[in-house]
Amino acid sequence: MRIYSAALAACGVVALSALAVPAAHADETFGDTDITGVVVNSGDPVVLGTSARTVTVKVTATDPSGFEQINATLYHGSYTSQDSTVPATAACGPTTAATSTCTLTFTLTPGSAPADGSLAGAWSVSAYAIAADGDAEFLEKAAGFDLRRDTHVGVDAPDRVKWGRTLTVTGGVQNADWATGTYAAAAAGRPVQLQFRLKGCTTYTTLKTVNTAADGTVSATVRAFADGDYRWSYAGTPDTAPAVSKAEFVDVR
C-alpha cells in the first residue's frame, strides 16, 4: 500500500510538471490542493515606462500536506495562443504550511517582453501549486490585470494676463513607446481636461475637456478673472496610464 501511494504521489507531480507549460489546454486539479487567490501588483494596474520594472504576484494555495512548489507566469493573448510571456524569477517552496502565500517577482522589459505597445492592455496569469503529497492544481487564467503604457502630460500658459482677457493654455500627452524606449505622442482623440485651482485653494475645477490632436497636443482658451493654477488631467485608457501635468500659475492683473 505504501508503494502504491508513493507511486500515485510521484505520478501527480509528474502530471503537474507537464501541465505547468504552455502545452496545457485546461485547468487541472489533483486531490485537495486549492489555489484560493492570485493578486497582481496589489490589485492595481501595472504601469510600464521605458525601463524595466519588477511586478509582484501573490499566489495563495492550501493543502494539508504543504507544498513542494508554487509558481506562475504572466502572458498576453489566449492561453493557447500567447504572444508574450514573462516567467517568475524563482518559484516558491518547499514549505510545510497547509496554507501558503507565495510572493513571486516578475521583470517586465520594454522592447522585449512586452515588445511594443500592441501588447498593452489585458494580461493574464497562469498559476500552479504542487503539494508535498503529489496533489496539485493548475489554472490557465488564475487572474487578470491591465498592463498600461506610462504617460507624461505637459502644460504651458503665460505667466501673467490682464483681468478679463483671453488666456490660452496648451499642453500635450505622451505615452511610453516600448519598442523605441522613448515617449511618443498620444493617439488623436484622447480626452484631456483643463483644470483650474484658485489661489489659496486646494481643489481643482474642470473648465473644459478637449481632445488630443494628431501630434498629441491640446489647447484651450478661457477668460482670466483670478490668480491660480492651471493643469491638464488625462484619465487614461485600458492601455495607457492616467496622469496630470504640473501646475502652471497665472497672475491676473
Protein backbone atom coordinates (compact mmCIF):
# COMPACT_ATOMS: atom_id res chain seq x y z
CA MET A 1 0.00 0.00 0.00
CA ARG A 2 2.83 2.36 0.84
CA ILE A 3 4.46 1.73 -2.54
CA TYR A 4 1.11 2.32 -4.28
CA SER A 5 0.64 5.66 -2.50
CA ALA A 6 4.17 6.77 -3.34
CA ALA A 7 3.61 5.88 -6.98
CA LEU A 8 0.42 7.93 -7.07
CA ALA A 9 2.20 10.89 -5.48
CA ALA A 10 5.03 10.70 -8.00
CA CYS A 11 2.51 10.43 -10.81
CA GLY A 12 0.75 13.56 -9.56
CA VAL A 13 4.00 15.55 -9.51
CA VAL A 14 4.94 14.38 -13.00
CA ALA A 15 1.49 15.18 -14.36
CA LEU A 16 1.54 18.71 -12.94
CA SER A 17 5.06 19.29 -14.21
CA ALA A 18 3.75 18.61 -17.69
CA LEU A 19 0.80 20.91 -17.14
CA ALA A 20 2.92 23.83 -15.96
CA VAL A 21 3.96 24.71 -19.51
CA PRO A 22 2.02 26.26 -22.41
CA ALA A 23 1.13 22.77 -23.75
CA ALA A 24 -1.74 22.54 -21.23
CA HIS A 25 -5.18 23.46 -22.51
CA ALA A 26 -7.42 23.28 -19.44
CA ASP A 27 -7.47 23.80 -15.69
CA GLU A 28 -6.46 20.64 -13.80
CA THR A 29 -6.83 19.63 -10.15
CA PHE A 30 -5.42 16.52 -8.45
CA GLY A 31 -6.54 15.79 -4.89
CA ASP A 32 -7.30 18.54 -2.37
CA THR A 33 -4.85 21.21 -3.49
CA ASP A 34 -6.65 24.52 -3.97
CA ILE A 35 -5.33 27.85 -5.31
CA THR A 36 -7.56 30.28 -3.41
CA GLY A 37 -6.27 33.64 -4.57
CA VAL A 38 -3.95 35.37 -7.03
CA VAL A 39 -3.29 39.12 -6.70
CA VAL A 40 -1.17 41.08 -9.17
CA ASN A 41 0.54 44.32 -8.11
CA SER A 42 -1.69 44.64 -5.02
CA GLY A 43 -4.72 44.79 -7.31
CA ASP A 44 -3.58 47.89 -9.22
CA PRO A 45 -2.93 48.15 -12.98
CA VAL A 46 0.73 47.72 -13.90
CA VAL A 47 2.25 50.86 -15.43
CA LEU A 48 5.38 50.41 -17.53
CA GLY A 49 7.58 53.23 -18.81
CA THR A 50 10.70 52.93 -20.95
CA SER A 51 12.86 50.98 -18.50
CA ALA A 52 12.47 47.56 -16.88
CA ARG A 53 10.37 47.24 -13.72
CA THR A 54 9.50 44.42 -11.37
CA VAL A 55 5.97 43.27 -10.59
CA THR A 56 4.91 41.07 -7.69
CA VAL A 57 2.17 38.44 -7.79
CA LYS A 58 0.86 36.80 -4.61
CA VAL A 59 -0.45 33.26 -5.03
CA THR A 60 -2.27 31.71 -2.06
CA ALA A 61 -2.85 27.96 -2.00
CA THR A 62 -4.00 25.36 0.52
CA ASP A 63 -3.17 21.68 1.01
CA PRO A 64 -2.88 19.80 4.34
CA SER A 65 0.49 18.32 3.37
CA GLY A 66 2.22 21.61 2.50
CA PHE A 67 3.84 22.40 -0.84
CA GLU A 68 6.77 21.40 -2.97
CA GLN A 69 6.37 24.31 -5.35
CA ILE A 70 4.13 27.27 -6.22
CA ASN A 71 4.70 29.25 -9.39
CA ALA A 72 3.04 31.45 -12.03
CA THR A 73 3.57 33.02 -15.47
CA LEU A 74 2.33 36.31 -16.93
CA TYR A 75 1.10 36.17 -20.51
CA HIS A 76 -0.68 38.20 -23.19
CA GLY A 77 -3.25 36.71 -25.54
CA SER A 78 -5.19 33.49 -25.02
CA TYR A 79 -3.53 30.68 -23.09
CA THR A 80 -3.28 28.51 -26.20
CA SER A 81 -2.02 31.42 -28.33
CA GLN A 82 0.28 33.52 -26.19
CA ASP A 83 2.17 36.32 -27.94
CA SER A 84 4.25 37.39 -24.92
CA THR A 85 5.17 35.64 -21.68
CA VAL A 86 7.08 36.62 -18.55
CA PRO A 87 8.15 33.86 -16.12
CA ALA A 88 8.77 34.42 -12.42
CA THR A 89 12.38 34.92 -11.38
CA ALA A 90 12.03 31.98 -8.95
CA ALA A 91 9.32 29.64 -7.67
CA CYS A 92 8.31 29.29 -4.02
CA GLY A 93 8.80 26.16 -1.90
CA PRO A 94 9.10 23.76 -0.36
CA THR A 95 7.04 24.57 2.73
CA THR A 96 5.16 22.54 5.34
CA ALA A 97 2.46 25.19 5.80
CA ALA A 98 -1.05 23.99 4.92
CA THR A 99 -1.88 27.48 3.67
CA SER A 100 0.90 29.30 1.86
CA THR A 101 1.03 32.72 0.21
CA CYS A 102 3.83 32.80 -2.32
CA THR A 103 5.16 36.20 -3.45
CA LEU A 104 6.58 35.86 -6.95
CA THR A 105 8.62 38.52 -8.76
CA PHE A 106 8.49 39.23 -12.49
CA THR A 107 10.60 41.59 -14.59
CA LEU A 108 8.88 43.40 -17.45
CA THR A 109 11.34 44.70 -20.05
CA PRO A 110 10.13 47.17 -22.72
CA GLY A 111 11.26 46.15 -26.19
CA SER A 112 11.50 42.51 -25.16
CA ALA A 113 8.58 41.40 -23.04
CA PRO A 114 6.49 43.33 -23.86
CA ALA A 115 7.98 44.05 -27.27
CA ASP A 116 5.81 47.01 -28.24
CA GLY A 117 2.64 48.96 -27.47
CA SER A 118 0.37 46.44 -29.19
CA LEU A 119 0.87 44.27 -26.12
CA ALA A 120 -0.59 46.86 -23.74
CA GLY A 121 -3.99 46.17 -22.19
CA ALA A 122 -5.35 42.95 -20.74
CA TRP A 123 -2.86 40.34 -19.49
CA SER A 124 -3.41 37.07 -17.64
CA VAL A 125 -1.69 34.95 -15.01
CA SER A 126 -1.43 31.16 -15.13
CA ALA A 127 -0.57 29.53 -11.81
CA TYR A 128 0.15 26.12 -10.34
CA ALA A 129 0.73 24.59 -6.92
CA ILE A 130 2.29 21.17 -6.30
CA ALA A 131 1.61 19.74 -2.85
CA ALA A 132 4.07 17.65 -0.85
CA ASP A 133 1.85 14.55 -1.22
CA GLY A 134 1.65 14.85 -5.01
CA ASP A 135 -1.68 16.61 -5.20
CA ALA A 136 -1.68 19.66 -7.44
CA GLU A 137 -3.69 22.33 -9.19
CA PHE A 138 -3.07 24.24 -12.41
CA LEU A 139 -5.12 27.24 -13.57
CA GLU A 140 -4.79 28.61 -17.09
CA LYS A 141 -6.16 32.00 -16.06
CA ALA A 142 -5.86 32.41 -12.31
CA ALA A 143 -6.07 36.21 -12.54
CA GLY A 144 -6.07 39.09 -14.99
CA PHE A 145 -4.59 42.58 -14.92
CA ASP A 146 -4.12 45.66 -17.10
CA LEU A 147 -0.64 46.49 -18.36
CA ARG A 148 -0.56 50.18 -19.26
CA ARG A 149 1.95 52.42 -21.01
CA ASP A 150 3.23 55.22 -18.79
CA THR A 151 2.01 58.73 -19.56
CA HIS A 152 3.62 62.19 -19.43
CA VAL A 153 1.44 65.32 -19.63
CA GLY A 154 2.86 68.80 -20.30
CA VAL A 155 1.37 72.26 -19.75
CA ASP A 156 2.23 75.80 -20.78
CA ALA A 157 0.50 79.10 -20.01
CA PRO A 158 1.55 82.78 -19.83
CA ASP A 159 2.96 83.97 -16.51
CA ARG A 160 0.52 86.87 -16.29
CA VAL A 161 -2.50 88.23 -18.11
CA LYS A 162 -4.83 91.21 -17.76
CA TRP A 163 -8.13 90.67 -15.97
CA GLY A 164 -10.91 89.54 -18.33
CA ARG A 165 -8.58 88.83 -21.24
CA THR A 166 -8.48 85.53 -23.10
CA LEU A 167 -5.94 83.07 -21.79
CA THR A 168 -4.64 80.17 -23.88
CA VAL A 169 -3.34 77.06 -22.11
CA THR A 170 -1.50 74.48 -24.21
CA GLY A 171 0.00 71.11 -23.47
CA GLY A 172 0.49 67.62 -24.74
CA VAL A 173 0.15 63.94 -23.88
CA GLN A 174 2.90 61.39 -24.49
CA ASN A 175 2.90 57.66 -23.85
CA ALA A 176 5.81 55.29 -23.40
CA ASP A 177 6.83 53.63 -26.66
CA TRP A 178 8.16 50.24 -25.59
CA ALA A 179 9.64 49.43 -28.99
CA THR A 180 11.86 52.53 -29.14
CA GLY A 181 12.41 53.20 -25.44
CA THR A 182 11.13 56.77 -25.77
CA TYR A 183 7.93 58.73 -25.12
CA ALA A 184 5.78 59.42 -28.19
CA ALA A 185 2.67 61.49 -28.89
CA ALA A 186 -0.59 60.01 -27.70
CA ALA A 187 -3.13 58.99 -30.31
CA ALA A 188 -5.51 61.62 -31.62
CA GLY A 189 -8.91 61.98 -29.99
CA ARG A 190 -7.93 61.25 -26.39
CA PRO A 191 -9.95 63.46 -23.98
CA VAL A 192 -7.93 65.70 -21.65
CA GLN A 193 -9.36 68.05 -19.03
CA LEU A 194 -8.18 71.60 -18.43
CA GLN A 195 -8.42 72.21 -14.68
CA PHE A 196 -8.10 75.34 -12.55
CA ARG A 197 -7.25 75.86 -8.86
CA LEU A 198 -7.96 79.27 -7.38
CA LYS A 199 -5.03 80.80 -5.49
CA GLY A 200 -5.24 79.79 -1.84
CA CYS A 201 -7.44 76.76 -2.53
CA THR A 202 -6.55 73.05 -2.62
CA THR A 203 -9.04 71.61 -5.11
CA TYR A 204 -9.18 71.81 -8.88
CA THR A 205 -12.23 72.50 -11.02
CA THR A 206 -12.54 71.21 -14.58
CA LEU A 207 -13.05 74.08 -17.02
CA LYS A 208 -13.02 72.31 -20.38
CA THR A 209 -12.43 68.92 -21.96
CA VAL A 210 -10.60 68.82 -25.29
CA ASN A 211 -9.24 66.00 -27.43
CA THR A 212 -5.61 65.45 -28.37
CA ALA A 213 -4.57 66.41 -31.87
CA ALA A 214 -2.70 64.05 -34.19
CA ASP A 215 0.59 65.07 -32.57
CA GLY A 216 -0.74 64.57 -29.03
CA THR A 217 -1.07 68.28 -28.27
CA VAL A 218 -4.01 70.04 -26.59
CA SER A 219 -5.07 73.68 -26.40
CA ALA A 220 -7.92 75.60 -24.80
CA THR A 221 -8.85 79.21 -24.22
CA VAL A 222 -10.58 80.67 -21.17
CA ARG A 223 -11.12 84.15 -19.76
CA ALA A 224 -8.85 85.12 -16.87
CA PHE A 225 -10.64 86.53 -13.82
CA ALA A 226 -8.47 85.37 -10.89
CA ASP A 227 -4.97 84.22 -9.96
CA GLY A 228 -4.50 80.49 -9.87
CA ASP A 229 -3.00 77.29 -11.21
CA TYR A 230 -3.87 75.59 -14.48
CA ARG A 231 -3.14 71.96 -15.32
CA TRP A 232 -4.10 69.23 -17.78
CA SER A 233 -5.56 65.95 -16.48
CA TYR A 234 -5.57 62.78 -18.58
CA ALA A 235 -7.88 59.99 -17.36
CA GLY A 236 -6.05 57.20 -19.18
CA THR A 237 -7.40 54.20 -21.12
CA PRO A 238 -7.23 50.43 -20.65
CA ASP A 239 -3.76 50.51 -22.27
CA THR A 240 -2.39 53.91 -21.12
CA ALA A 241 -1.95 55.21 -17.58
CA PRO A 242 -3.70 58.31 -16.22
CA ALA A 243 -1.54 61.35 -15.47
CA VAL A 244 -1.71 65.06 -14.67
CA SER A 245 0.67 67.82 -15.65
CA LYS A 246 2.47 70.07 -13.21
CA ALA A 247 0.63 73.22 -12.14
CA GLU A 248 1.19 76.41 -14.14
CA PHE A 249 0.47 79.57 -12.11
CA VAL A 250 -1.02 82.57 -13.90
CA ASP A 251 -1.01 86.02 -12.31
CA VAL A 252 -4.10 88.03 -13.27
CA ARG A 253 -3.74 91.81 -13.06
